[in-house]
Amino acid sequence: KEVTRMVILMVLGFLLAWTPYAVVAFWIFTNKGAEFSATYMSVP
């Protein structure tokens, strides 16, 4: 039971940490012709 809880917490932490990067990467991939500001790129 304790191991299951720890695994769930680790997976949630991983997703929380990588979600901003994944969103920015997906946005760049889908909007290839758009300009990207330095402020927006520094957020993740």
N, C-alpha and C. Protein backbone atom coordinates (compact mmCIF):
# COMPACT_ATOMS: atom_id res chain seq x y z
N LYS A 1 0.83 -1.19 0.00
CA LYS A 1 0.00 0.00 0.00
C LYS A 1 0.88 1.26 0.00
N GLU A 2 1.91 1.26 0.81
CA GLU A 2 2.81 2.42 0.88
C GLU A 2 3.58 2.61 -0.43
N VAL A 3 3.99 1.50 -1.03
CA VAL A 3 4.72 1.58 -2.30
C VAL A 3 3.82 2.12 -3.40
N THR A 4 2.58 1.68 -3.42
CA THR A 4 1.63 2.16 -4.43
C THR A 4 1.43 3.67 -4.31
N ARG A 5 1.29 4.14 -3.09
CA ARG A 5 1.12 5.58 -2.87
C ARG A 5 2.35 6.36 -3.34
N MET A 6 3.54 5.84 -3.06
CA MET A 6 4.77 6.51 -3.46
C MET A 6 4.91 6.54 -4.98
N VAL A 7 4.55 5.45 -5.63
CA VAL A 7 4.63 5.40 -7.10
C VAL A 7 3.66 6.41 -7.71
N ILE A 8 2.47 6.49 -7.18
CA ILE A 8 1.49 7.46 -7.68
C ILE A 8 2.00 8.88 -7.49
N LEU A 9 2.57 9.17 -6.33
CA LEU A 9 3.11 10.51 -6.08
C LEU A 9 4.27 10.83 -7.02
N MET A 10 5.12 9.85 -7.29
CA MET A 10 6.25 10.08 -8.19
C MET A 10 5.78 10.32 -9.62
N VAL A 11 4.78 9.57 -10.06
CA VAL A 11 4.24 9.77 -11.41
C VAL A 11 3.59 11.14 -11.52
N LEU A 12 2.82 11.53 -10.52
CA LEU A 12 2.19 12.86 -10.54
C LEU A 12 3.24 13.97 -10.51
N GLY A 13 4.29 13.80 -9.74
CA GLY A 13 5.37 14.78 -9.72
C GLY A 13 6.06 14.90 -11.06
N PHE A 14 6.30 13.76 -11.71
CA PHE A 14 6.91 13.77 -13.03
C PHE A 14 6.03 14.50 -14.03
N LEU A 15 4.74 14.20 -14.03
CA LEU A 15 3.82 14.87 -14.95
C LEU A 15 3.74 16.36 -14.67
N LEU A 16 3.71 16.73 -13.41
CA LEU A 16 3.65 18.14 -13.04
C LEU A 16 4.91 18.88 -13.50
N ALA A 17 6.05 18.23 -13.39
CA ALA A 17 7.31 18.87 -13.76
C ALA A 17 7.46 19.03 -15.28
N TRP A 18 6.99 18.06 -16.06
CA TRP A 18 7.22 18.07 -17.50
C TRP A 18 6.07 18.63 -18.31
N THR A 19 4.91 18.87 -17.73
CA THR A 19 3.77 19.39 -18.48
C THR A 19 4.05 20.75 -19.13
N PRO A 20 4.65 21.72 -18.44
CA PRO A 20 4.90 23.00 -19.12
C PRO A 20 5.80 22.86 -20.35
N TYR A 21 6.84 22.05 -20.25
CA TYR A 21 7.72 21.83 -21.39
C TYR A 21 6.97 21.16 -22.54
N ALA A 22 6.16 20.17 -22.22
CA ALA A 22 5.42 19.46 -23.25
C ALA A 22 4.42 20.37 -23.95
N VAL A 23 3.77 21.24 -23.20
CA VAL A 23 2.80 22.18 -23.79
C VAL A 23 3.50 23.14 -24.75
N VAL A 24 4.64 23.69 -24.32
CA VAL A 24 5.39 24.61 -25.18
C VAL A 24 5.90 23.89 -26.42
N ALA A 25 6.42 22.68 -26.26
CA ALA A 25 6.92 21.92 -27.40
C ALA A 25 5.79 21.60 -28.38
N PHE A 26 4.62 21.24 -27.87
CA PHE A 26 3.48 20.97 -28.74
C PHE A 26 3.03 22.23 -29.46
N TRP A 27 3.04 23.36 -28.75
CA TRP A 27 2.62 24.62 -29.37
C TRP A 27 3.58 25.01 -30.49
N ILE A 28 4.88 24.84 -30.27
CA ILE A 28 5.87 25.14 -31.31
C ILE A 28 5.66 24.21 -32.50
N PHE A 29 5.40 22.93 -32.23
CA PHE A 29 5.21 21.96 -33.30
C PHE A 29 3.97 22.28 -34.14
N THR A 30 2.90 22.72 -33.50
CA THR A 30 1.66 22.98 -34.25
C THR A 30 1.63 24.36 -34.88
N ASN A 31 2.46 25.29 -34.43
CA ASN A 31 2.50 26.66 -34.98
C ASN A 31 3.90 26.97 -35.51
N LYS A 32 4.31 26.23 -36.51
CA LYS A 32 5.68 26.33 -37.00
C LYS A 32 6.02 27.70 -37.57
N GLY A 33 5.05 28.40 -38.12
CA GLY A 33 5.34 29.69 -38.74
C GLY A 33 5.24 30.87 -37.80
N ALA A 34 4.80 30.64 -36.59
CA ALA A 34 4.58 31.75 -35.65
C ALA A 34 5.89 32.22 -35.02
N GLU A 35 5.88 33.47 -34.57
CA GLU A 35 7.03 34.00 -33.85
C GLU A 35 6.91 33.63 -32.38
N PHE A 36 8.05 33.41 -31.75
CA PHE A 36 8.07 33.03 -30.34
C PHE A 36 8.83 34.09 -29.56
N SER A 37 8.19 34.66 -28.56
CA SER A 37 8.86 35.68 -27.75
C SER A 37 9.74 35.00 -26.70
N ALA A 38 10.79 35.72 -26.28
CA ALA A 38 11.69 35.18 -25.27
C ALA A 38 10.98 35.01 -23.93
N THR A 39 10.04 35.88 -23.65
CA THR A 39 9.30 35.77 -22.39
C THR A 39 8.49 34.49 -22.35
N TYR A 40 7.80 34.19 -23.44
CA TYR A 40 6.99 32.97 -23.49
C TYR A 40 7.86 31.73 -23.39
N MET A 41 9.02 31.75 -24.01
CA MET A 41 9.90 30.58 -23.99
C MET A 41 10.57 30.39 -22.64
N SER A 42 10.68 31.44 -21.84
CA SER A 42 11.34 31.31 -20.54
C SER A 42 10.39 30.84 -19.44
N VAL A 43 9.09 30.83 -19.70
CA VAL A 43 8.13 30.43 -18.68
C VAL A 43 8.30 28.98 -18.24
N PRO A 44 8.41 28.01 -19.14
CA PRO A 44 8.55 26.62 -18.66
C PRO A 44 9.88 26.41 -17.99
